[in-house]
Amino acid sequence: MLAPLARTVLDNIMEQGVESSLTGPVERGDVLTVAAHLRALEKRVPTLAPMYRVMSGRLVEMARRGGMDKVAVRKMEKALED
């Protein structure tokens, strides 16, 4: 079930580059969803929350390089700090 999704992601990366291929709440600047993910992780599997923060922080950097608005970058970084 995940194989077609993984292939599409890899094809997009090969064709467009990493920054242009990003999708998801970090890339969209969807701070509320990222905060909800963190709350759910901290409640259900707290050991995974730090990894989510680190990985999402890397995605913010990639999105910034891909043209994410500076205000959106700051809001996302703040959400990942709290």
C-alpha atoms as a PDB file:
ATOM      1  CA  MET A   1       0.000   0.000   0.000  1.00  0.00           C
ATOM      2  CA  LEU A   2       2.822   2.430   0.779  1.00  0.00           C
ATOM      3  CA  ALA A   3       4.983   1.408  -2.188  1.00  0.00           C
ATOM      4  CA  PRO A   4       3.206   3.640  -4.749  1.00  0.00           C
ATOM      5  CA  LEU A   5       3.426   6.612  -2.370  1.00  0.00           C
ATOM      6  CA  ALA A   6       7.122   5.998  -1.745  1.00  0.00           C
ATOM      7  CA  ARG A   7       7.779   5.692  -5.490  1.00  0.00           C
ATOM      8  CA  THR A   8       5.958   8.954  -6.163  1.00  0.00           C
ATOM      9  CA  VAL A   9       7.936  10.751  -3.464  1.00  0.00           C
ATOM     10  CA  LEU A  10      11.246   9.442  -4.797  1.00  0.00           C
ATOM     11  CA  ASP A  11      10.289  10.252  -8.403  1.00  0.00           C
ATOM     12  CA  ASN A  12       9.384  13.812  -7.373  1.00  0.00           C
ATOM     13  CA  ILE A  13      12.674  14.229  -5.532  1.00  0.00           C
ATOM     14  CA  MET A  14      14.635  12.996  -8.537  1.00  0.00           C
ATOM     15  CA  GLU A  15      12.720  15.256 -10.945  1.00  0.00           C
ATOM     16  CA  GLN A  16      12.246  18.409  -8.855  1.00  0.00           C
ATOM     17  CA  GLY A  17      14.762  18.254  -6.016  1.00  0.00           C
ATOM     18  CA  VAL A  18      14.115  17.828  -2.325  1.00  0.00           C
ATOM     19  CA  GLU A  19      12.847  21.288  -1.392  1.00  0.00           C
ATOM     20  CA  SER A  20      10.373  21.404  -4.281  1.00  0.00           C
ATOM     21  CA  SER A  21       9.048  17.950  -3.390  1.00  0.00           C
ATOM     22  CA  LEU A  22       8.115  18.632   0.211  1.00  0.00           C
ATOM     23  CA  THR A  23       4.519  18.065   1.244  1.00  0.00           C
ATOM     24  CA  GLY A  24       2.729  17.932   4.561  1.00  0.00           C
ATOM     25  CA  PRO A  25       1.926  20.240   7.445  1.00  0.00           C
ATOM     26  CA  VAL A  26       5.433  21.641   7.889  1.00  0.00           C
ATOM     27  CA  GLU A  27       5.737  22.593   4.232  1.00  0.00           C
ATOM     28  CA  ARG A  28       2.244  24.136   4.309  1.00  0.00           C
ATOM     29  CA  GLY A  29       3.084  26.112   7.441  1.00  0.00           C
ATOM     30  CA  ASP A  30       0.244  24.352   9.254  1.00  0.00           C
ATOM     31  CA  VAL A  31       1.301  25.101  12.815  1.00  0.00           C
ATOM     32  CA  LEU A  32      -1.954  23.823  14.324  1.00  0.00           C
ATOM     33  CA  THR A  33      -1.504  20.355  12.821  1.00  0.00           C
ATOM     34  CA  VAL A  34       2.141  20.166  13.887  1.00  0.00           C
ATOM     35  CA  ALA A  35       1.160  21.211  17.415  1.00  0.00           C
ATOM     36  CA  ALA A  36      -1.604  18.568  17.422  1.00  0.00           C
ATOM     37  CA  HIS A  37       0.890  15.927  16.302  1.00  0.00           C
ATOM     38  CA  LEU A  38       3.213  16.905  19.143  1.00  0.00           C
ATOM     39  CA  ARG A  39       0.423  16.809  21.724  1.00  0.00           C
ATOM     40  CA  ALA A  40      -0.643  13.363  20.533  1.00  0.00           C
ATOM     41  CA  LEU A  41       2.912  12.057  20.630  1.00  0.00           C
ATOM     42  CA  GLU A  42       3.595  13.534  24.059  1.00  0.00           C
ATOM     43  CA  LYS A  43       0.418  11.906  25.360  1.00  0.00           C
ATOM     44  CA  ARG A  44       0.691   8.492  23.697  1.00  0.00           C
ATOM     45  CA  VAL A  45       4.387   7.926  22.895  1.00  0.00           C
ATOM     46  CA  PRO A  46       6.410  10.659  24.605  1.00  0.00           C
ATOM     47  CA  THR A  47       9.736   9.134  23.614  1.00  0.00           C
ATOM     48  CA  LEU A  48       8.968   9.960  19.958  1.00  0.00           C
ATOM     49  CA  ALA A  49       8.215  13.666  20.487  1.00  0.00           C
ATOM     50  CA  PRO A  50      11.896  14.750  20.479  1.00  0.00           C
ATOM     51  CA  MET A  51      12.497  12.906  17.212  1.00  0.00           C
ATOM     52  CA  TYR A  52       9.412  14.542  15.662  1.00  0.00           C
ATOM     53  CA  ARG A  53      10.733  17.946  16.738  1.00  0.00           C
ATOM     54  CA  VAL A  54      14.167  17.301  15.201  1.00  0.00           C
ATOM     55  CA  MET A  55      12.824  15.878  11.960  1.00  0.00           C
ATOM     56  CA  SER A  56      10.259  18.643  11.603  1.00  0.00           C
ATOM     57  CA  GLY A  57      12.955  21.222  12.303  1.00  0.00           C
ATOM     58  CA  ARG A  58      14.956  19.825   9.396  1.00  0.00           C
ATOM     59  CA  LEU A  59      11.859  20.030   7.204  1.00  0.00           C
ATOM     60  CA  VAL A  60      11.408  23.682   8.213  1.00  0.00           C
ATOM     61  CA  GLU A  61      14.975  24.380   7.077  1.00  0.00           C
ATOM     62  CA  MET A  62      14.316  22.642   3.771  1.00  0.00           C
ATOM     63  CA  ALA A  63      11.040  24.538   3.319  1.00  0.00           C
ATOM     64  CA  ARG A  64      12.849  27.807   4.071  1.00  0.00           C
ATOM     65  CA  ARG A  65      15.400  27.044   1.369  1.00  0.00           C
ATOM     66  CA  GLY A  66      12.508  26.214  -0.930  1.00  0.00           C
ATOM     67  CA  GLY A  67      10.939  29.635  -0.385  1.00  0.00           C
ATOM     68  CA  MET A  68       8.784  29.341   2.738  1.00  0.00           C
ATOM     69  CA  ASP A  69       7.781  32.751   4.043  1.00  0.00           C
ATOM     70  CA  LYS A  70       9.962  34.010   6.924  1.00  0.00           C
ATOM     71  CA  VAL A  71       6.958  34.582   9.174  1.00  0.00           C
ATOM     72  CA  ALA A  72       5.756  31.018   8.587  1.00  0.00           C
ATOM     73  CA  VAL A  73       9.267  29.717   9.342  1.00  0.00           C
ATOM     74  CA  ARG A  74       9.341  31.591  12.662  1.00  0.00           C
ATOM     75  CA  LYS A  75       5.869  30.346  13.645  1.00  0.00           C
ATOM     76  CA  MET A  76       6.795  26.752  12.860  1.00  0.00           C
ATOM     77  CA  GLU A  77      10.079  27.007  14.747  1.00  0.00           C
ATOM     78  CA  LYS A  78       8.196  28.425  17.750  1.00  0.00           C
ATOM     79  CA  ALA A  79       5.667  25.565  17.639  1.00  0.00           C
ATOM     80  CA  LEU A  80       8.493  23.048  17.604  1.00  0.00           C
ATOM     81  CA  GLU A  81      10.224  24.709  20.593  1.00  0.00           C
ATOM     82  CA  ASP A  82       7.256  24.733  22.963  1.00  0.00           C
END
